[in-house]
Amino acid sequence: MRERIVEAASKEIRRNGMRFTMGELAKQLGMSTKTLYGVFPSKDELIAEILTGAIDELQHKEKEILNNASLNTLEKLRRCLILIPADFQFIELNLITELQRYYPNQWNRLDQFLNEQWGSITELFQEGIRQGLLRPFNAKIFIDLYVGGFYRLMEDSAANRSSMTLQEGLHDMGEILLAGIIERES
């Protein structure tokens, strides 16, 4: 039942954002609100479960990329920089702004993940430099630019200055940032 609720809530989020009510979700699932609250005592806990699943999926996908011997270091970097959970590939960035505004505890978890999940990427940076594929650069500044760019994409979306999806924004940003660190042949 827990998985069924999470799946229905994820669909509702993709369709209408975070503003659905637990009553609407219960009705959609054909169960009482009391039953729904018996499984998830609050909407915040339901959102937390969805976010945990998304973070777990990202970490799993990153491991798959890193362990894929058929990919070179640059391709691994490209793919890692645009990782998105499957359920969120085509969401608009303003959904993340809703998370920040209405679910600050869950936003803090996502924000912490965004700022701290760089260990494997940093190792790829070092490997790329050793291989002569990347020029030496300050990894911390790269990470700060990436995270700051992500926040800016959110701000633009919230202010209706952009309607791009999360996938589109991360792809473009990743390509621009990689272009600045790839070693150029003379």
Protein backbone atom coordinates (compact mmCIF):
# COMPACT_ATOMS: atom_id res chain seq x y z
CA MET A 1 0.00 0.00 0.00
CA ARG A 2 2.90 2.36 0.84
CA GLU A 3 4.36 2.01 -2.67
CA ARG A 4 0.93 2.56 -4.23
CA ILE A 5 0.49 5.79 -2.29
CA VAL A 6 3.98 7.03 -3.19
CA GLU A 7 3.40 6.23 -6.87
CA ALA A 8 0.04 8.05 -6.91
CA ALA A 9 1.51 11.06 -5.09
CA SER A 10 4.45 11.17 -7.53
CA LYS A 11 2.03 11.20 -10.47
CA GLU A 12 0.00 13.95 -8.85
CA ILE A 13 3.14 16.02 -8.26
CA ARG A 14 4.17 15.64 -11.91
CA ARG A 15 0.68 16.59 -13.02
CA ASN A 16 -0.22 19.44 -10.64
CA GLY A 17 2.75 20.20 -8.42
CA MET A 18 2.87 19.98 -4.63
CA ARG A 19 -0.46 21.61 -3.98
CA PHE A 20 -2.59 18.47 -3.89
CA THR A 21 -4.27 17.61 -0.61
CA MET A 22 -4.09 14.34 1.24
CA GLY A 23 -7.90 14.16 0.95
CA GLU A 24 -7.70 14.44 -2.85
CA LEU A 25 -4.99 11.78 -2.93
CA ALA A 26 -7.02 9.43 -0.72
CA LYS A 27 -10.06 9.87 -2.96
CA GLN A 28 -7.96 9.21 -6.06
CA LEU A 29 -6.64 6.02 -4.44
CA GLY A 30 -10.12 4.90 -3.36
CA MET A 31 -9.28 4.91 0.33
CA SER A 32 -10.29 6.94 3.32
CA THR A 33 -8.22 9.88 4.46
CA LYS A 34 -7.85 8.09 7.81
CA THR A 35 -6.26 5.10 6.04
CA LEU A 36 -3.91 7.38 4.13
CA TYR A 37 -2.88 9.19 7.32
CA GLY A 38 -2.36 5.78 8.94
CA VAL A 39 0.37 5.07 6.39
CA PHE A 40 1.76 8.61 6.10
CA PRO A 41 0.94 10.72 9.19
CA SER A 42 1.57 13.93 7.23
CA LYS A 43 2.02 15.17 3.71
CA ASP A 44 5.54 16.22 4.70
CA GLU A 45 6.36 12.57 5.49
CA LEU A 46 4.95 11.51 2.12
CA ILE A 47 7.07 14.12 0.34
CA ALA A 48 10.07 12.93 2.40
CA GLU A 49 9.50 9.36 1.16
CA ILE A 50 9.37 10.54 -2.46
CA LEU A 51 12.53 12.62 -2.01
CA THR A 52 14.36 9.73 -0.34
CA GLY A 53 13.45 7.51 -3.29
CA ALA A 54 14.68 10.12 -5.75
CA ILE A 55 18.01 10.56 -3.94
CA ASP A 56 18.48 6.78 -3.72
CA GLU A 57 17.78 6.51 -7.45
CA LEU A 58 20.33 9.23 -8.24
CA GLN A 59 22.99 7.50 -6.17
CA HIS A 60 22.25 4.16 -7.87
CA LYS A 61 22.41 5.72 -11.35
CA GLU A 62 25.69 7.45 -10.49
CA LYS A 63 27.22 4.13 -9.41
CA GLU A 64 26.07 2.52 -12.66
CA ILE A 65 27.71 5.29 -14.67
CA LEU A 66 30.93 5.17 -12.67
CA ASN A 67 31.16 1.37 -13.03
CA ASN A 68 30.43 1.38 -16.78
CA ALA A 69 33.76 0.41 -18.34
CA SER A 70 32.52 1.32 -21.83
CA LEU A 71 32.34 5.04 -20.92
CA ASN A 72 35.39 7.29 -20.92
CA THR A 73 35.98 9.82 -18.16
CA LEU A 74 34.40 12.75 -20.04
CA GLU A 75 31.25 10.79 -20.86
CA LYS A 76 30.96 9.69 -17.23
CA LEU A 77 31.24 13.34 -16.17
CA ARG A 78 28.63 14.45 -18.71
CA ARG A 79 26.18 11.81 -17.58
CA CYS A 80 26.75 12.38 -13.86
CA LEU A 81 26.24 16.14 -14.18
CA ILE A 82 22.78 15.71 -15.68
CA LEU A 83 21.49 12.89 -13.48
CA ILE A 84 17.82 13.24 -12.68
CA PRO A 85 15.44 10.71 -11.13
CA ALA A 86 13.24 9.14 -13.82
CA ASP A 87 10.06 10.60 -12.32
CA PHE A 88 11.48 14.13 -12.46
CA GLN A 89 13.07 14.26 -15.92
CA PHE A 90 10.42 16.45 -17.47
CA ILE A 91 9.24 18.44 -14.47
CA GLU A 92 9.48 22.15 -14.61
CA LEU A 93 11.94 23.81 -12.28
CA ASN A 94 9.21 25.69 -10.41
CA LEU A 95 8.29 22.38 -8.75
CA ILE A 96 11.60 22.53 -6.88
CA THR A 97 10.74 26.09 -5.87
CA GLU A 98 7.46 24.76 -4.45
CA LEU A 99 9.44 22.20 -2.45
CA GLN A 100 11.62 25.02 -1.09
CA ARG A 101 8.64 27.19 -0.19
CA TYR A 102 6.16 24.67 1.24
CA TYR A 103 8.37 21.86 2.53
CA PRO A 104 11.48 23.49 4.02
CA ASN A 105 12.64 20.32 5.81
CA GLN A 106 12.63 18.39 2.56
CA TRP A 107 14.21 21.30 0.71
CA ASN A 108 17.04 21.31 3.27
CA ARG A 109 17.63 17.60 2.60
CA LEU A 110 17.77 18.22 -1.15
CA ASP A 111 19.98 21.27 -0.69
CA GLN A 112 22.38 19.29 1.50
CA PHE A 113 22.49 16.51 -1.09
CA LEU A 114 23.17 19.02 -3.89
CA ASN A 115 26.07 20.50 -1.97
CA GLU A 116 27.62 17.33 -0.57
CA GLN A 117 27.28 14.59 -3.20
CA TRP A 118 30.39 15.56 -5.16
CA GLY A 119 32.93 12.94 -4.00
CA SER A 120 32.69 10.72 -7.08
CA ILE A 121 32.56 13.68 -9.44
CA THR A 122 35.68 15.15 -7.82
CA GLU A 123 37.43 11.80 -8.37
CA LEU A 124 36.39 11.95 -12.05
CA PHE A 125 37.82 15.48 -12.25
CA GLN A 126 41.15 14.23 -10.89
CA GLU A 127 41.15 11.23 -13.22
CA GLY A 128 40.42 13.51 -16.19
CA ILE A 129 43.30 15.79 -15.24
CA ARG A 130 45.68 12.81 -14.89
CA GLN A 131 44.58 11.56 -18.31
CA GLY A 132 45.17 14.98 -19.88
CA LEU A 133 41.47 15.31 -20.78
CA LEU A 134 40.83 18.17 -18.35
CA ARG A 135 43.00 21.12 -17.54
CA PRO A 136 43.82 21.69 -13.88
CA PHE A 137 41.07 23.75 -12.25
CA ASN A 138 39.55 24.54 -8.87
CA ALA A 139 36.92 21.82 -8.30
CA LYS A 140 35.29 23.77 -5.47
CA ILE A 141 34.62 26.72 -7.77
CA PHE A 142 33.20 24.36 -10.41
CA ILE A 143 30.85 22.84 -7.82
CA ASP A 144 29.83 26.28 -6.52
CA LEU A 145 29.09 27.40 -10.09
CA TYR A 146 27.03 24.28 -10.75
CA VAL A 147 24.99 24.55 -7.55
CA GLY A 148 24.62 28.31 -7.97
CA GLY A 149 23.51 27.81 -11.56
CA PHE A 150 20.95 25.26 -10.40
CA TYR A 151 19.57 27.78 -7.89
CA ARG A 152 19.46 30.46 -10.58
CA LEU A 153 17.51 28.16 -12.90
CA MET A 154 15.01 27.71 -10.06
CA GLU A 155 14.73 31.45 -9.46
CA ASP A 156 14.14 32.16 -13.15
CA SER A 157 11.48 29.48 -13.30
CA ALA A 158 9.75 30.79 -10.16
CA ALA A 159 9.73 34.30 -11.66
CA ASN A 160 8.28 32.90 -14.93
CA ARG A 161 11.40 33.92 -16.85
CA SER A 162 11.96 30.34 -17.95
CA SER A 163 9.81 27.33 -18.73
CA MET A 164 12.58 24.82 -19.31
CA THR A 165 12.51 21.43 -17.66
CA LEU A 166 14.99 20.30 -15.06
CA GLN A 167 16.55 17.97 -17.61
CA GLU A 168 17.01 20.75 -20.18
CA GLY A 169 18.49 23.15 -17.64
CA LEU A 170 20.98 20.67 -16.19
CA HIS A 171 22.03 19.49 -19.64
CA ASP A 172 22.77 23.02 -20.89
CA MET A 173 24.48 24.04 -17.68
CA GLY A 174 26.61 20.88 -17.56
CA GLU A 175 27.77 21.33 -21.16
CA ILE A 176 28.72 24.96 -20.57
CA LEU A 177 30.68 24.15 -17.41
CA LEU A 178 32.46 21.17 -19.00
CA ALA A 179 33.48 23.31 -21.96
CA GLY A 180 35.45 25.48 -19.56
CA ILE A 181 37.55 22.64 -18.12
CA ILE A 182 38.16 20.37 -21.10
CA GLU A 183 41.79 20.48 -22.21
CA ARG A 184 42.07 22.00 -25.66
CA GLU A 185 44.64 20.78 -28.14
CA SER A 186 47.08 23.45 -29.28
